[in-house]
Amino acid sequence: MEELIVAIARGLVDDKDAVTVSADEPDEEGTVVYHLHVAADDMGRVIGKQGRIAKAIRTVVRAAASKVGGKAAVEID
């Protein structure tokens, strides 16, 4: 899942080396929270107008997680 998030984010940003993803341990419901870190200058590119790109990233990751039988959430830091 981390590779998927990194691949999506690197396609959007200018500073590709600054893209990192960290994951928390699953909570009581089994949801894994992934934290996407990008350079400050690229934050707007990842969030998008009115959060549309961020919402799309979260939707894709949630769908991929459900396909393998898990739950996932993405936070952009």
PDB file of N, CA and C in Angstrom:
ATOM      1  N   MET A   1       0.821  -1.185   0.000  1.00  0.00           N
ATOM      2  CA  MET A   1       0.000   0.000   0.000  1.00  0.00           C
ATOM      3  C   MET A   1       0.874   1.262   0.000  1.00  0.00           C
ATOM      4  N   GLU A   2       1.983   1.206   0.742  1.00  0.00           N
ATOM      5  CA  GLU A   2       2.879   2.362   0.784  1.00  0.00           C
ATOM      6  C   GLU A   2       3.447   2.662  -0.593  1.00  0.00           C
ATOM      7  N   GLU A   3       3.754   1.618  -1.361  1.00  0.00           N
ATOM      8  CA  GLU A   3       4.296   1.818  -2.705  1.00  0.00           C
ATOM      9  C   GLU A   3       3.272   2.500  -3.608  1.00  0.00           C
ATOM     10  N   LEU A   4       2.005   2.151  -3.444  1.00  0.00           N
ATOM     11  CA  LEU A   4       0.941   2.765  -4.233  1.00  0.00           C
ATOM     12  C   LEU A   4       0.843   4.252  -3.929  1.00  0.00           C
ATOM     13  N   ILE A   5       0.873   4.609  -2.660  1.00  0.00           N
ATOM     14  CA  ILE A   5       0.769   6.013  -2.267  1.00  0.00           C
ATOM     15  C   ILE A   5       1.971   6.802  -2.775  1.00  0.00           C
ATOM     16  N   VAL A   6       3.165   6.223  -2.651  1.00  0.00           N
ATOM     17  CA  VAL A   6       4.377   6.897  -3.131  1.00  0.00           C
ATOM     18  C   VAL A   6       4.311   7.089  -4.641  1.00  0.00           C
ATOM     19  N   ALA A   7       3.865   6.092  -5.371  1.00  0.00           N
ATOM     20  CA  ALA A   7       3.781   6.192  -6.829  1.00  0.00           C
ATOM     21  C   ALA A   7       2.802   7.288  -7.253  1.00  0.00           C
ATOM     22  N   ILE A   8       1.677   7.374  -6.596  1.00  0.00           N
ATOM     23  CA  ILE A   8       0.696   8.412  -6.925  1.00  0.00           C
ATOM     24  C   ILE A   8       1.269   9.789  -6.614  1.00  0.00           C
ATOM     25  N   ALA A   9       1.851   9.936  -5.420  1.00  0.00           N
ATOM     26  CA  ALA A   9       2.359  11.242  -4.990  1.00  0.00           C
ATOM     27  C   ALA A   9       3.523  11.705  -5.850  1.00  0.00           C
ATOM     28  N   ARG A  10       4.415  10.806  -6.213  1.00  0.00           N
ATOM     29  CA  ARG A  10       5.577  11.202  -7.032  1.00  0.00           C
ATOM     30  C   ARG A  10       5.146  11.681  -8.414  1.00  0.00           C
ATOM     31  N   GLY A  11       4.020  11.200  -8.894  1.00  0.00           N
ATOM     32  CA  GLY A  11       3.508  11.670 -10.172  1.00  0.00           C
ATOM     33  C   GLY A  11       2.956  13.084 -10.112  1.00  0.00           C
ATOM     34  N   LEU A  12       2.712  13.578  -8.913  1.00  0.00           N
ATOM     35  CA  LEU A  12       2.099  14.895  -8.752  1.00  0.00           C
ATOM     36  C   LEU A  12       3.080  16.001  -8.382  1.00  0.00           C
ATOM     37  N   VAL A  13       4.175  15.652  -7.712  1.00  0.00           N
ATOM     38  CA  VAL A  13       5.042  16.677  -7.115  1.00  0.00           C
ATOM     39  C   VAL A  13       6.274  16.973  -7.962  1.00  0.00           C
ATOM     40  N   ASP A  14       6.926  18.094  -7.640  1.00  0.00           N
ATOM     41  CA  ASP A  14       8.188  18.454  -8.299  1.00  0.00           C
ATOM     42  C   ASP A  14       9.375  17.814  -7.589  1.00  0.00           C
ATOM     43  N   ASP A  15       9.376  17.861  -6.254  1.00  0.00           N
ATOM     44  CA  ASP A  15      10.475  17.317  -5.455  1.00  0.00           C
ATOM     45  C   ASP A  15      10.158  15.859  -5.099  1.00  0.00           C
ATOM     46  N   LYS A  16      10.482  14.949  -6.000  1.00  0.00           N
ATOM     47  CA  LYS A  16      10.122  13.541  -5.835  1.00  0.00           C
ATOM     48  C   LYS A  16      10.879  12.862  -4.686  1.00  0.00           C
ATOM     49  N   ASP A  17      12.058  13.370  -4.342  1.00  0.00           N
ATOM     50  CA  ASP A  17      12.842  12.780  -3.260  1.00  0.00           C
ATOM     51  C   ASP A  17      12.259  13.075  -1.881  1.00  0.00           C
ATOM     52  N   ALA A  18      11.421  14.095  -1.772  1.00  0.00           N
ATOM     53  CA  ALA A  18      10.842  14.480  -0.483  1.00  0.00           C
ATOM     54  C   ALA A  18       9.601  13.664  -0.127  1.00  0.00           C
ATOM     55  N   VAL A  19       9.141  12.824  -1.027  1.00  0.00           N
ATOM     56  CA  VAL A  19       7.930  12.031  -0.778  1.00  0.00           C
ATOM     57  C   VAL A  19       8.266  10.834   0.102  1.00  0.00           C
ATOM     58  N   THR A  20       7.629  10.774   1.262  1.00  0.00           N
ATOM     59  CA  THR A  20       7.786   9.628   2.154  1.00  0.00           C
ATOM     60  C   THR A  20       6.422   9.234   2.704  1.00  0.00           C
ATOM     61  N   VAL A  21       6.301   7.966   3.052  1.00  0.00           N
ATOM     62  CA  VAL A  21       5.065   7.449   3.629  1.00  0.00           C
ATOM     63  C   VAL A  21       5.421   6.639   4.863  1.00  0.00           C
ATOM     64  N   SER A  22       4.705   6.896   5.936  1.00  0.00           N
ATOM     65  CA  SER A  22       4.867   6.094   7.145  1.00  0.00           C
ATOM     66  C   SER A  22       3.496   5.533   7.513  1.00  0.00           C
ATOM     67  N   ALA A  23       3.507   4.392   8.191  1.00  0.00           N
ATOM     68  CA  ALA A  23       2.243   3.723   8.537  1.00  0.00           C
ATOM     69  C   ALA A  23       2.158   3.513  10.039  1.00  0.00           C
ATOM     70  N   ASP A  24       0.966   3.727  10.579  1.00  0.00           N
ATOM     71  CA  ASP A  24       0.696   3.436  11.984  1.00  0.00           C
ATOM     72  C   ASP A  24       0.270   1.982  12.114  1.00  0.00           C
ATOM     73  N   GLU A  25       0.311   1.477  13.319  1.00  0.00           N
ATOM     74  CA  GLU A  25      -0.197   0.135  13.582  1.00  0.00           C
ATOM     75  C   GLU A  25      -1.723   0.136  13.407  1.00  0.00           C
ATOM     76  N   PRO A  26      -2.308  -0.974  13.020  1.00  0.00           N
ATOM     77  CA  PRO A  26      -3.773  -1.036  12.877  1.00  0.00           C
ATOM     78  C   PRO A  26      -4.468  -0.738  14.200  1.00  0.00           C
ATOM     79  N   ASP A  27      -5.582   0.010  14.115  1.00  0.00           N
ATOM     80  CA  ASP A  27      -6.335   0.320  15.328  1.00  0.00           C
ATOM     81  C   ASP A  27      -7.294  -0.825  15.665  1.00  0.00           C
ATOM     82  N   GLU A  28      -8.222  -0.576  16.589  1.00  0.00           N
ATOM     83  CA  GLU A  28      -9.140  -1.628  17.040  1.00  0.00           C
ATOM     84  C   GLU A  28      -9.993  -2.197  15.903  1.00  0.00           C
ATOM     85  N   GLU A  29     -10.304  -1.346  14.938  1.00  0.00           N
ATOM     86  CA  GLU A  29     -11.132  -1.781  13.804  1.00  0.00           C
ATOM     87  C   GLU A  29     -10.311  -2.383  12.672  1.00  0.00           C
ATOM     88  N   GLY A  30      -9.001  -2.378  12.806  1.00  0.00           N
ATOM     89  CA  GLY A  30      -8.129  -2.934  11.774  1.00  0.00           C
ATOM     90  C   GLY A  30      -7.724  -1.939  10.704  1.00  0.00           C
ATOM     91  N   THR A  31      -7.989  -0.659  10.922  1.00  0.00           N
ATOM     92  CA  THR A  31      -7.650   0.369   9.950  1.00  0.00           C
ATOM     93  C   THR A  31      -6.199   0.815  10.133  1.00  0.00           C
ATOM     94  N   VAL A  32      -5.456   0.804   9.039  1.00  0.00           N
ATOM     95  CA  VAL A  32      -4.073   1.275   9.040  1.00  0.00           C
ATOM     96  C   VAL A  32      -4.074   2.705   8.508  1.00  0.00           C
ATOM     97  N   VAL A  33      -3.467   3.631   9.252  1.00  0.00           N
ATOM     98  CA  VAL A  33      -3.390   5.025   8.829  1.00  0.00           C
ATOM     99  C   VAL A  33      -2.008   5.275   8.225  1.00  0.00           C
ATOM    100  N   TYR A  34      -1.996   5.716   6.976  1.00  0.00           N
ATOM    101  CA  TYR A  34      -0.758   6.043   6.275  1.00  0.00           C
ATOM    102  C   TYR A  34      -0.585   7.553   6.279  1.00  0.00           C
ATOM    103  N   HIS A  35       0.614   8.008   6.610  1.00  0.00           N
ATOM    104  CA  HIS A  35       0.929   9.437   6.640  1.00  0.00           C
ATOM    105  C   HIS A  35       1.812   9.761   5.451  1.00  0.00           C
ATOM    106  N   LEU A  36       1.316  10.605   4.557  1.00  0.00           N
ATOM    107  CA  LEU A  36       2.051  11.027   3.374  1.00  0.00           C
ATOM    108  C   LEU A  36       2.733  12.356   3.671  1.00  0.00           C
ATOM    109  N   HIS A  37       4.049  12.387   3.505  1.00  0.00           N
ATOM    110  CA  HIS A  37       4.827  13.598   3.729  1.00  0.00           C
ATOM    111  C   HIS A  37       5.409  14.055   2.393  1.00  0.00           C
ATOM    112  N   VAL A  38       5.187  15.330   2.064  1.00  0.00           N
ATOM    113  CA  VAL A  38       5.753  15.914   0.849  1.00  0.00           C
ATOM    114  C   VAL A  38       6.397  17.244   1.223  1.00  0.00           C
ATOM    115  N   ALA A  39       7.158  17.818   0.293  1.00  0.00           N
ATOM    116  CA  ALA A  39       7.781  19.119   0.524  1.00  0.00           C
ATOM    117  C   ALA A  39       6.691  20.180   0.669  1.00  0.00           C
ATOM    118  N   ALA A  40       7.008  21.214   1.410  1.00  0.00           N
ATOM    119  CA  ALA A  40       6.023  22.278   1.668  1.00  0.00           C
ATOM    120  C   ALA A  40       5.544  22.931   0.371  1.00  0.00           C
ATOM    121  N   ASP A  41       6.432  23.061  -0.596  1.00  0.00           N
ATOM    122  CA  ASP A  41       6.057  23.680  -1.872  1.00  0.00           C
ATOM    123  C   ASP A  41       5.096  22.815  -2.683  1.00  0.00           C
ATOM    124  N   ASP A  42       5.106  21.513  -2.450  1.00  0.00           N
ATOM    125  CA  ASP A  42       4.264  20.590  -3.214  1.00  0.00           C
ATOM    126  C   ASP A  42       2.948  20.248  -2.516  1.00  0.00           C
ATOM    127  N   MET A  43       2.730  20.808  -1.340  1.00  0.00           N
ATOM    128  CA  MET A  43       1.526  20.479  -0.583  1.00  0.00           C
ATOM    129  C   MET A  43       0.244  20.800  -1.371  1.00  0.00           C
ATOM    130  N   GLY A  44       0.224  21.925  -2.035  1.00  0.00           N
ATOM    131  CA  GLY A  44      -0.952  22.312  -2.818  1.00  0.00           C
ATOM    132  C   GLY A  44      -1.224  21.371  -3.974  1.00  0.00           C
ATOM    133  N   ARG A  45      -0.178  20.829  -4.563  1.00  0.00           N
ATOM    134  CA  ARG A  45      -0.349  19.897  -5.682  1.00  0.00           C
ATOM    135  C   ARG A  45      -0.984  18.592  -5.224  1.00  0.00           C
ATOM    136  N   VAL A  46      -0.632  18.153  -4.018  1.00  0.00           N
ATOM    137  CA  VAL A  46      -1.153  16.885  -3.510  1.00  0.00           C
ATOM    138  C   VAL A  46      -2.579  17.048  -2.992  1.00  0.00           C
ATOM    139  N   ILE A  47      -2.879  18.208  -2.426  1.00  0.00           N
ATOM    140  CA  ILE A  47      -4.227  18.435  -1.900  1.00  0.00           C
ATOM    141  C   ILE A  47      -5.194  18.804  -3.023  1.00  0.00           C
ATOM    142  N   GLY A  48      -4.788  19.676  -3.916  1.00  0.00           N
ATOM    143  CA  GLY A  48      -5.632  20.057  -5.031  1.00  0.00           C
ATOM    144  C   GLY A  48      -6.673  21.091  -4.644  1.00  0.00           C
ATOM    145  N   LYS A  49      -7.372  21.595  -5.635  1.00  0.00           N
ATOM    146  CA  LYS A  49      -8.411  22.582  -5.382  1.00  0.00           C
ATOM    147  C   LYS A  49      -9.555  21.934  -4.620  1.00  0.00           C
ATOM    148  N   GLN A  50      -9.900  22.548  -3.501  1.00  0.00           N
ATOM    149  CA  GLN A  50     -10.973  22.072  -2.624  1.00  0.00           C
ATOM    150  C   GLN A  50     -10.756  20.630  -2.178  1.00  0.00           C
ATOM    151  N   GLY A  51      -9.494  20.177  -2.166  1.00  0.00           N
ATOM    152  CA  GLY A  51      -9.173  18.844  -1.676  1.00  0.00           C
ATOM    153  C   GLY A  51      -9.543  17.705  -2.602  1.00  0.00           C
ATOM    154  N   ARG A  52      -9.749  17.993  -3.861  1.00  0.00           N
ATOM    155  CA  ARG A  52     -10.196  16.950  -4.791  1.00  0.00           C
ATOM    156  C   ARG A  52      -9.152  15.869  -5.013  1.00  0.00           C
ATOM    157  N   ILE A  53      -7.893  16.261  -5.161  1.00  0.00           N
ATOM    158  CA  ILE A  53      -6.838  15.265  -5.405  1.00  0.00           C
ATOM    159  C   ILE A  53      -6.623  14.425  -4.155  1.00  0.00           C
ATOM    160  N   ALA A  54      -6.624  15.057  -2.981  1.00  0.00           N
ATOM    161  CA  ALA A  54      -6.466  14.318  -1.731  1.00  0.00           C
ATOM    162  C   ALA A  54      -7.599  13.315  -1.560  1.00  0.00           C
ATOM    163  N   LYS A  55      -8.805  13.712  -1.887  1.00  0.00           N
ATOM    164  CA  LYS A  55      -9.960  12.813  -1.791  1.00  0.00           C
ATOM    165  C   LYS A  55      -9.806  11.639  -2.756  1.00  0.00           C
ATOM    166  N   ALA A  56      -9.297  11.912  -3.949  1.00  0.00           N
ATOM    167  CA  ALA A  56      -9.098  10.852  -4.937  1.00  0.00           C
ATOM    168  C   ALA A  56      -8.039   9.858  -4.470  1.00  0.00           C
ATOM    169  N   ILE A  57      -6.958  10.373  -3.873  1.00  0.00           N
ATOM    170  CA  ILE A  57      -5.904   9.492  -3.349  1.00  0.00           C
ATOM    171  C   ILE A  57      -6.481   8.590  -2.261  1.00  0.00           C
ATOM    172  N   ARG A  58      -7.254   9.177  -1.354  1.00  0.00           N
ATOM    173  CA  ARG A  58      -7.860   8.392  -0.268  1.00  0.00           C
ATOM    174  C   ARG A  58      -8.808   7.330  -0.809  1.00  0.00           C
ATOM    175  N   THR A  59      -9.566   7.672  -1.844  1.00  0.00           N
ATOM    176  CA  THR A  59     -10.505   6.713  -2.439  1.00  0.00           C
ATOM    177  C   THR A  59      -9.779   5.537  -3.075  1.00  0.00           C
ATOM    178  N   VAL A  60      -8.713   5.820  -3.811  1.00  0.00           N
ATOM    179  CA  VAL A  60      -7.950   4.760  -4.471  1.00  0.00           C
ATOM    180  C   VAL A  60      -7.312   3.831  -3.441  1.00  0.00           C
ATOM    181  N   VAL A  61      -6.734   4.415  -2.389  1.00  0.00           N
ATOM    182  CA  VAL A  61      -6.073   3.606  -1.360  1.00  0.00           C
ATOM    183  C   VAL A  61      -7.102   2.767  -0.602  1.00  0.00           C
ATOM    184  N   ARG A  62      -8.253   3.355  -0.288  1.00  0.00           N
ATOM    185  CA  ARG A  62      -9.299   2.611   0.413  1.00  0.00           C
ATOM    186  C   ARG A  62      -9.789   1.434  -0.447  1.00  0.00           C
ATOM    187  N   ALA A  63      -9.934   1.658  -1.748  1.00  0.00           N
ATOM    188  CA  ALA A  63     -10.376   0.591  -2.643  1.00  0.00           C
ATOM    189  C   ALA A  63      -9.322  -0.513  -2.756  1.00  0.00           C
ATOM    190  N   ALA A  64      -8.059  -0.135  -2.840  1.00  0.00           N
ATOM    191  CA  ALA A  64      -6.986  -1.133  -2.919  1.00  0.00           C
ATOM    192  C   ALA A  64      -6.901  -1.941  -1.631  1.00  0.00           C
ATOM    193  N   ALA A  65      -7.098  -1.286  -0.493  1.00  0.00           N
ATOM    194  CA  ALA A  65      -7.046  -1.991   0.789  1.00  0.00           C
ATOM    195  C   ALA A  65      -8.208  -2.965   0.923  1.00  0.00           C
ATOM    196  N   SER A  66      -9.380  -2.558   0.488  1.00  0.00           N
ATOM    197  CA  SER A  66     -10.532  -3.454   0.603  1.00  0.00           C
ATOM    198  C   SER A  66     -10.394  -4.651  -0.332  1.00  0.00           C
ATOM    199  N   LYS A  67      -9.681  -4.471  -1.426  1.00  0.00           N
ATOM    200  CA  LYS A  67      -9.463  -5.570  -2.365  1.00  0.00           C
ATOM    201  C   LYS A  67      -8.614  -6.678  -1.741  1.00  0.00           C
ATOM    202  N   VAL A  68      -7.691  -6.284  -0.850  1.00  0.00           N
ATOM    203  CA  VAL A  68      -6.853  -7.281  -0.181  1.00  0.00           C
ATOM    204  C   VAL A  68      -7.389  -7.636   1.203  1.00  0.00           C
ATOM    205  N   GLY A  69      -8.579  -7.138   1.519  1.00  0.00           N
ATOM    206  CA  GLY A  69      -9.220  -7.513   2.770  1.00  0.00           C
ATOM    207  C   GLY A  69      -8.857  -6.680   3.969  1.00  0.00           C
ATOM    208  N   GLY A  70      -8.445  -5.428   3.770  1.00  0.00           N
ATOM    209  CA  GLY A  70      -8.084  -4.572   4.888  1.00  0.00           C
ATOM    210  C   GLY A  70      -8.774  -3.232   4.811  1.00  0.00           C
ATOM    211  N   LYS A  71      -8.416  -2.364   5.736  1.00  0.00           N
ATOM    212  CA  LYS A  71      -8.933  -1.001   5.751  1.00  0.00           C
ATOM    213  C   LYS A  71      -7.755  -0.058   5.836  1.00  0.00           C
ATOM    214  N   ALA A  72      -7.848   1.070   5.122  1.00  0.00           N
ATOM    215  CA  ALA A  72      -6.747   2.039   5.121  1.00  0.00           C
ATOM    216  C   ALA A  72      -7.289   3.444   5.074  1.00  0.00           C
ATOM    217  N   ALA A  73      -6.521   4.362   5.636  1.00  0.00           N
ATOM    218  CA  ALA A  73      -6.809   5.787   5.590  1.00  0.00           C
ATOM    219  C   ALA A  73      -5.513   6.514   5.290  1.00  0.00           C
ATOM    220  N   VAL A  74      -5.616   7.663   4.650  1.00  0.00           N
ATOM    221  CA  VAL A  74      -4.433   8.446   4.288  1.00  0.00           C
ATOM    222  C   VAL A  74      -4.562   9.833   4.903  1.00  0.00           C
ATOM    223  N   GLU A  75      -3.496  10.265   5.575  1.00  0.00           N
ATOM    224  CA  GLU A  75      -3.397  11.628   6.078  1.00  0.00           C
ATOM    225  C   GLU A  75      -2.217  12.294   5.398  1.00  0.00           C
ATOM    226  N   ILE A  76      -2.415  13.528   4.970  1.00  0.00           N
ATOM    227  CA  ILE A  76      -1.361  14.256   4.275  1.00  0.00           C
ATOM    228  C   ILE A  76      -0.760  15.253   5.251  1.00  0.00           C
ATOM    229  N   ASP A  77       0.526  15.064   5.547  1.00  0.00           N
ATOM    230  CA  ASP A  77       1.221  15.930   6.505  1.00  0.00           C
ATOM    231  C   ASP A  77       2.204  16.825   5.797  1.00  0.00           C
TER     232      ASP A  77
END
